[in-house]
Amino acid sequence: MTISAKFEIKYFQYLDPAGKPVAKKLPKVAEDRDEMLRMYRMMSQVRVFDRKAIALQRTGQLGTYASSLGHEATHVAIGAAMRPEDAFFPMYREYGAQFMRGVKMEEVLLFWGGDERGNDFSGPKHDFPWCVPIATQFHHAVGAAMAYKYRGEKRVAVSVIGDGGTSQGDFYESLNAAGAWQLPVVFVIANNKWAISVPLELQTRCETLAQKGIAGGIESVQVDGNDIIAMREAMDTALDRARKGKGPTLIEAVTYRLSDHTTADDARRYRKQEEVAEAEAKEPAEES
């Protein structure tokens, strides 16, 4: 017997849960004090916004709301790395990325208050609206990336999906098309360990979610999604590859959903508090 091929998934982390370096050399972005402060401020801003939005929902002033608690580093790094001419295809909790691209807080609240005019948000008008159906945003991103390649434009489509969404057919179809046609697209899996009430270990037998991109011939990596430096470096690298015509990248950002799935959910019914406490010790925007 001979081996036809071998594959590996690289894992990137530069900061430990306490924010201290674990690598001898940090990426170039870590030397840019202004950029690091810009991202940190947005992480803090998103955390405050999230708390206020939940309070509005609990007091009857807002409809169902999807919290982003624990996802701040992953989301902010995505938005910080993108250029205005790129296009973002969000799920429904990537506020950090959208705020970095000019979306206003009141527009998010308008949407979750039941007013679709919130989807006509500020920022690049080519960014797509919130996508509540699971995984269809990947199809949209692939379509846009195909147009960019056809026109010879140096633009990149970026989309985000949760771990549960990687079980959808739309996810695999999108990866296959993007890999076959070498499209300028970056796919991000926000692996927060829970697809509503279904834990990751019941969703897949894969050791990583990143390896699902290998079948599509896509550059695939796993990143500490709570590490803003690692996440930003992964995005910078992936966007640069796409712009140079080197095809798509799949980034699995390992993080945790500290909140309920939405305000219509009660995670205490299916999740152990010990697990949440362990995740809180590693979260990206620890509060004193």
C-alpha atoms as a PDB file:
ATOM      1  CA  MET A   1       0.000   0.000   0.000  1.00  0.00           C
ATOM      2  CA  THR A   2       1.160   3.508  -0.820  1.00  0.00           C
ATOM      3  CA  ILE A   3      -0.073   6.815   0.562  1.00  0.00           C
ATOM      4  CA  SER A   4      -1.710   9.048  -2.042  1.00  0.00           C
ATOM      5  CA  ALA A   5      -1.458  12.280  -0.057  1.00  0.00           C
ATOM      6  CA  LYS A   6      -0.958  13.728   3.410  1.00  0.00           C
ATOM      7  CA  PHE A   7      -2.443  16.868   4.911  1.00  0.00           C
ATOM      8  CA  GLU A   8      -1.998  18.926   8.039  1.00  0.00           C
ATOM      9  CA  ILE A   9      -3.747  21.768   9.818  1.00  0.00           C
ATOM     10  CA  LYS A  10      -1.553  24.431  11.365  1.00  0.00           C
ATOM     11  CA  TYR A  11      -2.644  26.180  14.561  1.00  0.00           C
ATOM     12  CA  PHE A  12      -1.725  29.810  15.226  1.00  0.00           C
ATOM     13  CA  GLN A  13      -1.587  31.516  18.604  1.00  0.00           C
ATOM     14  CA  TYR A  14       0.543  34.449  19.760  1.00  0.00           C
ATOM     15  CA  LEU A  15      -1.078  35.355  23.076  1.00  0.00           C
ATOM     16  CA  ASP A  16      -2.065  33.231  26.043  1.00  0.00           C
ATOM     17  CA  PRO A  17      -5.410  33.811  27.833  1.00  0.00           C
ATOM     18  CA  ALA A  18      -3.729  36.424  30.036  1.00  0.00           C
ATOM     19  CA  GLY A  19      -2.602  38.389  26.990  1.00  0.00           C
ATOM     20  CA  LYS A  20       1.076  37.487  27.303  1.00  0.00           C
ATOM     21  CA  PRO A  21       3.116  36.462  24.236  1.00  0.00           C
ATOM     22  CA  VAL A  22       3.671  32.741  23.678  1.00  0.00           C
ATOM     23  CA  ALA A  23       5.737  33.202  20.505  1.00  0.00           C
ATOM     24  CA  LYS A  24       9.316  34.456  20.205  1.00  0.00           C
ATOM     25  CA  LYS A  25       8.359  36.804  17.394  1.00  0.00           C
ATOM     26  CA  LEU A  26       5.040  38.587  16.960  1.00  0.00           C
ATOM     27  CA  PRO A  27       3.528  39.583  13.592  1.00  0.00           C
ATOM     28  CA  LYS A  28       4.137  43.058  12.214  1.00  0.00           C
ATOM     29  CA  VAL A  29       0.673  44.286  13.221  1.00  0.00           C
ATOM     30  CA  ALA A  30       1.616  43.815  16.886  1.00  0.00           C
ATOM     31  CA  GLU A  31       4.248  46.536  16.447  1.00  0.00           C
ATOM     32  CA  ASP A  32       1.653  49.033  15.233  1.00  0.00           C
ATOM     33  CA  ARG A  33       0.559  50.684  18.491  1.00  0.00           C
ATOM     34  CA  ASP A  34      -2.212  52.762  16.921  1.00  0.00           C
ATOM     35  CA  GLU A  35      -3.733  49.776  15.148  1.00  0.00           C
ATOM     36  CA  MET A  36      -3.586  47.621  18.267  1.00  0.00           C
ATOM     37  CA  LEU A  37      -5.323  50.368  20.254  1.00  0.00           C
ATOM     38  CA  ARG A  38      -7.936  50.774  17.532  1.00  0.00           C
ATOM     39  CA  MET A  39      -8.799  47.087  17.691  1.00  0.00           C
ATOM     40  CA  TYR A  40      -8.774  46.975  21.497  1.00  0.00           C
ATOM     41  CA  ARG A  41     -11.079  49.987  21.733  1.00  0.00           C
ATOM     42  CA  MET A  42     -13.517  48.349  19.348  1.00  0.00           C
ATOM     43  CA  MET A  43     -13.447  45.100  21.315  1.00  0.00           C
ATOM     44  CA  SER A  44     -14.341  47.069  24.445  1.00  0.00           C
ATOM     45  CA  GLN A  45     -16.993  49.059  22.600  1.00  0.00           C
ATOM     46  CA  VAL A  46     -18.647  45.900  21.265  1.00  0.00           C
ATOM     47  CA  ARG A  47     -18.677  44.409  24.764  1.00  0.00           C
ATOM     48  CA  VAL A  48     -20.489  47.475  26.151  1.00  0.00           C
ATOM     49  CA  PHE A  49     -22.897  47.556  23.198  1.00  0.00           C
ATOM     50  CA  ASP A  50     -23.731  43.891  23.674  1.00  0.00           C
ATOM     51  CA  ARG A  51     -24.554  44.396  27.346  1.00  0.00           C
ATOM     52  CA  LYS A  52     -26.790  47.385  26.554  1.00  0.00           C
ATOM     53  CA  ALA A  53     -28.597  45.551  23.756  1.00  0.00           C
ATOM     54  CA  ILE A  54     -29.433  42.622  26.033  1.00  0.00           C
ATOM     55  CA  ALA A  55     -30.714  45.050  28.654  1.00  0.00           C
ATOM     56  CA  LEU A  56     -32.967  46.653  26.024  1.00  0.00           C
ATOM     57  CA  GLN A  57     -34.343  43.248  25.058  1.00  0.00           C
ATOM     58  CA  ARG A  58     -34.963  42.211  28.644  1.00  0.00           C
ATOM     59  CA  THR A  59     -36.937  45.384  29.274  1.00  0.00           C
ATOM     60  CA  GLY A  60     -39.119  44.908  26.194  1.00  0.00           C
ATOM     61  CA  GLN A  61     -37.520  47.619  24.065  1.00  0.00           C
ATOM     62  CA  LEU A  62     -35.878  45.241  21.581  1.00  0.00           C
ATOM     63  CA  GLY A  63     -36.857  42.003  19.888  1.00  0.00           C
ATOM     64  CA  THR A  64     -34.815  38.802  19.929  1.00  0.00           C
ATOM     65  CA  TYR A  65     -31.113  39.651  19.924  1.00  0.00           C
ATOM     66  CA  ALA A  66     -28.039  37.525  19.115  1.00  0.00           C
ATOM     67  CA  SER A  67     -25.219  38.271  21.531  1.00  0.00           C
ATOM     68  CA  SER A  68     -21.582  38.416  20.418  1.00  0.00           C
ATOM     69  CA  LEU A  69     -20.153  37.921  23.918  1.00  0.00           C
ATOM     70  CA  GLY A  70     -16.810  36.127  23.648  1.00  0.00           C
ATOM     71  CA  HIS A  71     -16.457  36.673  19.890  1.00  0.00           C
ATOM     72  CA  GLU A  72     -14.948  40.171  20.034  1.00  0.00           C
ATOM     73  CA  ALA A  73     -11.397  39.308  18.937  1.00  0.00           C
ATOM     74  CA  THR A  74     -12.533  37.152  16.024  1.00  0.00           C
ATOM     75  CA  HIS A  75     -15.001  39.695  14.692  1.00  0.00           C
ATOM     76  CA  VAL A  76     -12.937  42.849  15.181  1.00  0.00           C
ATOM     77  CA  ALA A  77      -9.903  41.305  13.485  1.00  0.00           C
ATOM     78  CA  ILE A  78     -12.007  40.466  10.427  1.00  0.00           C
ATOM     79  CA  GLY A  79     -13.266  44.017  10.030  1.00  0.00           C
ATOM     80  CA  ALA A  80      -9.899  45.593  10.810  1.00  0.00           C
ATOM     81  CA  ALA A  81      -8.108  43.574   8.124  1.00  0.00           C
ATOM     82  CA  MET A  82     -10.570  44.204   5.304  1.00  0.00           C
ATOM     83  CA  ARG A  83     -10.350  47.068   2.819  1.00  0.00           C
ATOM     84  CA  PRO A  84     -13.372  49.262   1.964  1.00  0.00           C
ATOM     85  CA  GLU A  85     -13.591  47.764  -1.525  1.00  0.00           C
ATOM     86  CA  ASP A  86     -13.832  44.220  -0.131  1.00  0.00           C
ATOM     87  CA  ALA A  87     -17.290  42.845   0.607  1.00  0.00           C
ATOM     88  CA  PHE A  88     -18.542  41.357   3.867  1.00  0.00           C
ATOM     89  CA  PHE A  89     -21.187  38.627   4.038  1.00  0.00           C
ATOM     90  CA  PRO A  90     -22.123  38.332   7.716  1.00  0.00           C
ATOM     91  CA  MET A  91     -24.147  35.867   9.675  1.00  0.00           C
ATOM     92  CA  TYR A  92     -26.053  37.668  12.434  1.00  0.00           C
ATOM     93  CA  ARG A  93     -23.711  38.471  15.319  1.00  0.00           C
ATOM     94  CA  GLU A  94     -20.556  39.901  13.702  1.00  0.00           C
ATOM     95  CA  TYR A  95     -21.060  43.396  15.101  1.00  0.00           C
ATOM     96  CA  GLY A  96     -17.349  43.975  15.717  1.00  0.00           C
ATOM     97  CA  ALA A  97     -16.535  43.431  12.051  1.00  0.00           C
ATOM     98  CA  GLN A  98     -19.438  45.574  10.915  1.00  0.00           C
ATOM     99  CA  PHE A  99     -18.687  48.442  13.301  1.00  0.00           C
ATOM    100  CA  MET A 100     -15.127  48.461  11.972  1.00  0.00           C
ATOM    101  CA  ARG A 101     -16.642  48.877   8.501  1.00  0.00           C
ATOM    102  CA  GLY A 102     -18.865  51.802   9.463  1.00  0.00           C
ATOM    103  CA  VAL A 103     -22.145  50.218  10.532  1.00  0.00           C
ATOM    104  CA  LYS A 104     -23.804  52.264  13.279  1.00  0.00           C
ATOM    105  CA  MET A 105     -25.003  50.834  16.572  1.00  0.00           C
ATOM    106  CA  GLU A 106     -28.480  52.260  16.143  1.00  0.00           C
ATOM    107  CA  GLU A 107     -28.786  50.397  12.844  1.00  0.00           C
ATOM    108  CA  VAL A 108     -28.106  47.077  14.560  1.00  0.00           C
ATOM    109  CA  LEU A 109     -30.731  47.908  17.178  1.00  0.00           C
ATOM    110  CA  LEU A 110     -33.187  48.904  14.460  1.00  0.00           C
ATOM    111  CA  PHE A 111     -32.805  45.520  12.796  1.00  0.00           C
ATOM    112  CA  TRP A 112     -33.217  43.520  15.999  1.00  0.00           C
ATOM    113  CA  GLY A 113     -36.165  45.727  16.854  1.00  0.00           C
ATOM    114  CA  GLY A 114     -37.958  44.269  13.832  1.00  0.00           C
ATOM    115  CA  ASP A 115     -37.363  47.094  11.368  1.00  0.00           C
ATOM    116  CA  GLU A 116     -35.702  45.901   8.154  1.00  0.00           C
ATOM    117  CA  ARG A 117     -34.510  49.437   7.467  1.00  0.00           C
ATOM    118  CA  GLY A 118     -31.715  48.532   9.838  1.00  0.00           C
ATOM    119  CA  ASN A 119     -30.341  46.359   7.031  1.00  0.00           C
ATOM    120  CA  ASP A 120     -29.809  49.496   4.946  1.00  0.00           C
ATOM    121  CA  PHE A 121     -26.842  50.218   7.157  1.00  0.00           C
ATOM    122  CA  SER A 122     -23.920  52.607   6.867  1.00  0.00           C
ATOM    123  CA  GLY A 123     -20.543  51.519   5.567  1.00  0.00           C
ATOM    124  CA  PRO A 124     -19.752  50.021   2.144  1.00  0.00           C
ATOM    125  CA  LYS A 125     -23.020  49.628   0.259  1.00  0.00           C
ATOM    126  CA  HIS A 126     -21.759  46.427  -1.359  1.00  0.00           C
ATOM    127  CA  ASP A 127     -21.645  44.653   2.014  1.00  0.00           C
ATOM    128  CA  PHE A 128     -24.507  42.194   2.330  1.00  0.00           C
ATOM    129  CA  PRO A 129     -27.264  42.348   4.986  1.00  0.00           C
ATOM    130  CA  TRP A 130     -27.497  40.060   8.004  1.00  0.00           C
ATOM    131  CA  CYS A 131     -28.149  36.467   6.976  1.00  0.00           C
ATOM    132  CA  VAL A 132     -30.324  34.491   9.391  1.00  0.00           C
ATOM    133  CA  PRO A 133     -30.694  31.378   7.153  1.00  0.00           C
ATOM    134  CA  ILE A 134     -27.757  29.118   7.999  1.00  0.00           C
ATOM    135  CA  ALA A 135     -24.834  28.972   5.520  1.00  0.00           C
ATOM    136  CA  THR A 136     -26.475  30.694   2.543  1.00  0.00           C
ATOM    137  CA  GLN A 137     -24.133  33.661   3.036  1.00  0.00           C
ATOM    138  CA  PHE A 138     -21.280  31.454   1.781  1.00  0.00           C
ATOM    139  CA  HIS A 139     -23.047  31.052  -1.567  1.00  0.00           C
ATOM    140  CA  HIS A 140     -23.433  34.814  -1.805  1.00  0.00           C
ATOM    141  CA  ALA A 141     -19.735  35.333  -1.069  1.00  0.00           C
ATOM    142  CA  VAL A 142     -18.719  32.827  -3.738  1.00  0.00           C
ATOM    143  CA  GLY A 143     -20.907  34.560  -6.307  1.00  0.00           C
ATOM    144  CA  ALA A 144     -19.360  37.946  -5.555  1.00  0.00           C
ATOM    145  CA  ALA A 145     -15.839  36.503  -5.609  1.00  0.00           C
ATOM    146  CA  MET A 146     -16.524  34.977  -9.007  1.00  0.00           C
ATOM    147  CA  ALA A 147     -17.537  38.406 -10.293  1.00  0.00           C
ATOM    148  CA  TYR A 148     -14.357  39.976  -8.887  1.00  0.00           C
ATOM    149  CA  LYS A 149     -12.200  37.386 -10.612  1.00  0.00           C
ATOM    150  CA  TYR A 150     -14.082  37.713 -13.900  1.00  0.00           C
ATOM    151  CA  ARG A 151     -13.668  41.486 -13.854  1.00  0.00           C
ATOM    152  CA  GLY A 152     -10.024  41.330 -12.776  1.00  0.00           C
ATOM    153  CA  GLU A 153     -10.737  43.362  -9.633  1.00  0.00           C
ATOM    154  CA  LYS A 154      -8.413  43.249  -6.607  1.00  0.00           C
ATOM    155  CA  ARG A 155     -11.282  42.707  -4.206  1.00  0.00           C
ATOM    156  CA  VAL A 156     -12.041  39.925  -1.745  1.00  0.00           C
ATOM    157  CA  ALA A 157     -15.307  38.494  -0.460  1.00  0.00           C
ATOM    158  CA  VAL A 158     -15.282  37.590   3.254  1.00  0.00           C
ATOM    159  CA  SER A 159     -17.926  35.532   5.011  1.00  0.00           C
ATOM    160  CA  VAL A 160     -18.443  34.058   8.482  1.00  0.00           C
ATOM    161  CA  ILE A 161     -20.234  30.906   9.593  1.00  0.00           C
ATOM    162  CA  GLY A 162     -20.705  29.133  12.907  1.00  0.00           C
ATOM    163  CA  ASP A 163     -19.578  25.601  13.713  1.00  0.00           C
ATOM    164  CA  GLY A 164     -23.119  24.317  13.240  1.00  0.00           C
ATOM    165  CA  GLY A 165     -23.289  25.836   9.774  1.00  0.00           C
ATOM    166  CA  THR A 166     -20.395  23.644   8.616  1.00  0.00           C
ATOM    167  CA  SER A 167     -22.842  20.718   8.577  1.00  0.00           C
ATOM    168  CA  GLN A 168     -24.966  22.411   5.902  1.00  0.00           C
ATOM    169  CA  GLY A 169     -24.752  21.475   2.245  1.00  0.00           C
ATOM    170  CA  ASP A 170     -24.362  25.157   1.321  1.00  0.00           C
ATOM    171  CA  PHE A 171     -21.072  25.179   3.237  1.00  0.00           C
ATOM    172  CA  TYR A 172     -19.549  22.303   1.258  1.00  0.00           C
ATOM    173  CA  GLU A 173     -20.909  23.492  -2.069  1.00  0.00           C
ATOM    174  CA  SER A 174     -19.377  26.912  -1.526  1.00  0.00           C
ATOM    175  CA  LEU A 175     -15.974  25.507  -0.577  1.00  0.00           C
ATOM    176  CA  ASN A 176     -15.945  23.216  -3.582  1.00  0.00           C
ATOM    177  CA  ALA A 177     -16.793  26.023  -6.008  1.00  0.00           C
ATOM    178  CA  ALA A 178     -14.310  28.449  -4.468  1.00  0.00           C
ATOM    179  CA  GLY A 179     -11.517  25.880  -4.542  1.00  0.00           C
ATOM    180  CA  ALA A 180     -12.241  24.625  -8.053  1.00  0.00           C
ATOM    181  CA  TRP A 181     -12.334  28.136  -9.482  1.00  0.00           C
ATOM    182  CA  GLN A 182      -9.616  29.576  -7.192  1.00  0.00           C
ATOM    183  CA  LEU A 183     -11.782  32.498  -6.165  1.00  0.00           C
ATOM    184  CA  PRO A 184     -10.731  35.526  -4.047  1.00  0.00           C
ATOM    185  CA  VAL A 185     -12.747  34.648  -0.958  1.00  0.00           C
ATOM    186  CA  VAL A 186     -11.982  34.165   2.739  1.00  0.00           C
ATOM    187  CA  PHE A 187     -14.231  31.865   4.745  1.00  0.00           C
ATOM    188  CA  VAL A 188     -14.180  32.170   8.542  1.00  0.00           C
ATOM    189  CA  ILE A 189     -15.645  29.547  10.861  1.00  0.00           C
ATOM    190  CA  ALA A 190     -16.441  31.071  14.255  1.00  0.00           C
ATOM    191  CA  ASN A 191     -16.171  27.813  16.174  1.00  0.00           C
ATOM    192  CA  ASN A 192     -17.921  28.738  19.409  1.00  0.00           C
ATOM    193  CA  LYS A 193     -18.506  25.054  20.300  1.00  0.00           C
ATOM    194  CA  TRP A 194     -22.317  25.163  20.264  1.00  0.00           C
ATOM    195  CA  ALA A 195     -24.898  25.044  17.438  1.00  0.00           C
ATOM    196  CA  ILE A 196     -27.705  26.387  19.622  1.00  0.00           C
ATOM    197  CA  SER A 197     -28.026  23.391  22.013  1.00  0.00           C
ATOM    198  CA  VAL A 198     -25.921  20.884  20.041  1.00  0.00           C
ATOM    199  CA  PRO A 199     -22.286  20.600  21.208  1.00  0.00           C
ATOM    200  CA  LEU A 200     -19.428  20.343  18.721  1.00  0.00           C
ATOM    201  CA  GLU A 201     -18.683  16.699  19.537  1.00  0.00           C
ATOM    202  CA  LEU A 202     -22.172  15.707  18.328  1.00  0.00           C
ATOM    203  CA  GLN A 203     -21.869  17.739  15.121  1.00  0.00           C
ATOM    204  CA  THR A 204     -18.780  16.144  13.580  1.00  0.00           C
ATOM    205  CA  ARG A 205     -16.092  13.498  13.990  1.00  0.00           C
ATOM    206  CA  CYS A 206     -13.450  15.787  12.474  1.00  0.00           C
ATOM    207  CA  GLU A 207     -10.537  16.662  14.727  1.00  0.00           C
ATOM    208  CA  THR A 208     -10.773  20.225  13.427  1.00  0.00           C
ATOM    209  CA  LEU A 209     -13.335  22.133  11.399  1.00  0.00           C
ATOM    210  CA  ALA A 210     -10.534  23.649   9.337  1.00  0.00           C
ATOM    211  CA  GLN A 211      -9.780  20.291   7.741  1.00  0.00           C
ATOM    212  CA  LYS A 212     -13.151  20.407   6.001  1.00  0.00           C
ATOM    213  CA  GLY A 213     -11.580  22.867   3.569  1.00  0.00           C
ATOM    214  CA  ILE A 214      -8.906  20.398   2.473  1.00  0.00           C
ATOM    215  CA  ALA A 215     -11.390  18.422   0.366  1.00  0.00           C
ATOM    216  CA  GLY A 216     -12.068  21.614  -1.583  1.00  0.00           C
ATOM    217  CA  GLY A 217      -8.370  22.195  -2.226  1.00  0.00           C
ATOM    218  CA  ILE A 218      -8.435  25.255  -0.006  1.00  0.00           C
ATOM    219  CA  GLU A 219      -5.670  26.621   2.216  1.00  0.00           C
ATOM    220  CA  SER A 220      -7.043  25.858   5.683  1.00  0.00           C
ATOM    221  CA  VAL A 221      -5.778  26.917   9.105  1.00  0.00           C
ATOM    222  CA  GLN A 222      -6.918  26.918  12.711  1.00  0.00           C
ATOM    223  CA  VAL A 223      -6.455  30.016  14.874  1.00  0.00           C
ATOM    224  CA  ASP A 224      -7.020  30.945  18.499  1.00  0.00           C
ATOM    225  CA  GLY A 225     -10.094  33.076  17.951  1.00  0.00           C
ATOM    226  CA  ASN A 226      -9.602  34.784  21.311  1.00  0.00           C
ATOM    227  CA  ASP A 227      -6.165  36.029  20.225  1.00  0.00           C
ATOM    228  CA  ILE A 228      -6.639  39.306  18.353  1.00  0.00           C
ATOM    229  CA  ILE A 229      -3.073  39.225  16.989  1.00  0.00           C
ATOM    230  CA  ALA A 230      -3.325  35.675  15.651  1.00  0.00           C
ATOM    231  CA  MET A 231      -6.710  36.340  14.135  1.00  0.00           C
ATOM    232  CA  ARG A 232      -5.581  39.563  12.484  1.00  0.00           C
ATOM    233  CA  GLU A 233      -2.446  37.913  11.100  1.00  0.00           C
ATOM    234  CA  ALA A 234      -4.514  35.049   9.675  1.00  0.00           C
ATOM    235  CA  MET A 235      -6.893  37.499   8.013  1.00  0.00           C
ATOM    236  CA  ASP A 236      -4.074  39.648   6.613  1.00  0.00           C
ATOM    237  CA  THR A 237      -2.403  36.573   5.127  1.00  0.00           C
ATOM    238  CA  ALA A 238      -5.623  35.201   3.668  1.00  0.00           C
ATOM    239  CA  LEU A 239      -6.667  38.530   2.133  1.00  0.00           C
ATOM    240  CA  ASP A 240      -3.211  39.002   0.614  1.00  0.00           C
ATOM    241  CA  ARG A 241      -3.313  35.516  -0.915  1.00  0.00           C
ATOM    242  CA  ALA A 242      -6.722  36.190  -2.425  1.00  0.00           C
ATOM    243  CA  ARG A 243      -5.675  39.535  -3.885  1.00  0.00           C
ATOM    244  CA  LYS A 244      -2.633  37.924  -5.502  1.00  0.00           C
ATOM    245  CA  GLY A 245      -4.794  35.344  -7.245  1.00  0.00           C
ATOM    246  CA  LYS A 246      -3.734  32.454  -5.008  1.00  0.00           C
ATOM    247  CA  GLY A 247      -7.278  31.428  -4.209  1.00  0.00           C
ATOM    248  CA  PRO A 248      -9.461  31.053  -1.128  1.00  0.00           C
ATOM    249  CA  THR A 249      -8.614  30.424   2.525  1.00  0.00           C
ATOM    250  CA  LEU A 250     -10.627  28.778   5.277  1.00  0.00           C
ATOM    251  CA  ILE A 251      -9.910  30.032   8.809  1.00  0.00           C
ATOM    252  CA  GLU A 252     -11.291  28.184  11.816  1.00  0.00           C
ATOM    253  CA  ALA A 253     -11.364  30.642  14.729  1.00  0.00           C
ATOM    254  CA  VAL A 254     -11.608  28.643  17.955  1.00  0.00           C
ATOM    255  CA  THR A 255     -13.599  30.652  20.482  1.00  0.00           C
ATOM    256  CA  TYR A 256     -16.633  30.157  22.744  1.00  0.00           C
ATOM    257  CA  ARG A 257     -20.191  31.427  22.937  1.00  0.00           C
ATOM    258  CA  LEU A 258     -20.335  32.829  26.461  1.00  0.00           C
ATOM    259  CA  SER A 259     -23.932  33.959  26.047  1.00  0.00           C
ATOM    260  CA  ASP A 260     -27.160  32.200  25.197  1.00  0.00           C
ATOM    261  CA  HIS A 261     -27.535  31.519  21.462  1.00  0.00           C
ATOM    262  CA  THR A 262     -29.987  34.429  21.358  1.00  0.00           C
ATOM    263  CA  THR A 263     -32.153  36.090  23.982  1.00  0.00           C
ATOM    264  CA  ALA A 264     -34.831  33.509  23.081  1.00  0.00           C
ATOM    265  CA  ASP A 265     -32.528  30.748  24.342  1.00  0.00           C
ATOM    266  CA  ASP A 266     -31.577  29.562  27.844  1.00  0.00           C
ATOM    267  CA  ALA A 267     -28.190  27.843  27.653  1.00  0.00           C
ATOM    268  CA  ARG A 268     -28.398  26.790  31.300  1.00  0.00           C
ATOM    269  CA  ARG A 269     -30.758  24.018  30.219  1.00  0.00           C
ATOM    270  CA  TYR A 270     -28.113  22.201  28.167  1.00  0.00           C
ATOM    271  CA  ARG A 271     -24.693  23.545  29.162  1.00  0.00           C
ATOM    272  CA  LYS A 272     -22.708  22.962  32.348  1.00  0.00           C
ATOM    273  CA  GLN A 273     -21.695  26.070  34.270  1.00  0.00           C
ATOM    274  CA  GLU A 274     -18.222  24.573  34.810  1.00  0.00           C
ATOM    275  CA  GLU A 275     -17.669  24.600  31.047  1.00  0.00           C
ATOM    276  CA  VAL A 276     -18.733  28.239  30.787  1.00  0.00           C
ATOM    277  CA  ALA A 277     -16.483  29.216  33.711  1.00  0.00           C
ATOM    278  CA  GLU A 278     -13.522  27.533  32.012  1.00  0.00           C
ATOM    279  CA  ALA A 279     -14.219  29.454  28.807  1.00  0.00           C
ATOM    280  CA  GLU A 280     -14.589  32.729  30.694  1.00  0.00           C
ATOM    281  CA  ALA A 281     -11.025  32.313  31.937  1.00  0.00           C
ATOM    282  CA  LYS A 282      -9.840  32.366  28.302  1.00  0.00           C
ATOM    283  CA  GLU A 283     -12.168  34.982  26.795  1.00  0.00           C
ATOM    284  CA  PRO A 284     -10.708  37.821  24.706  1.00  0.00           C
ATOM    285  CA  ALA A 285     -11.931  40.947  26.531  1.00  0.00           C
ATOM    286  CA  GLU A 286     -11.632  40.123  30.204  1.00  0.00           C
ATOM    287  CA  GLU A 287     -13.177  42.787  32.419  1.00  0.00           C
ATOM    288  CA  SER A 288     -11.625  43.849  35.700  1.00  0.00           C
END
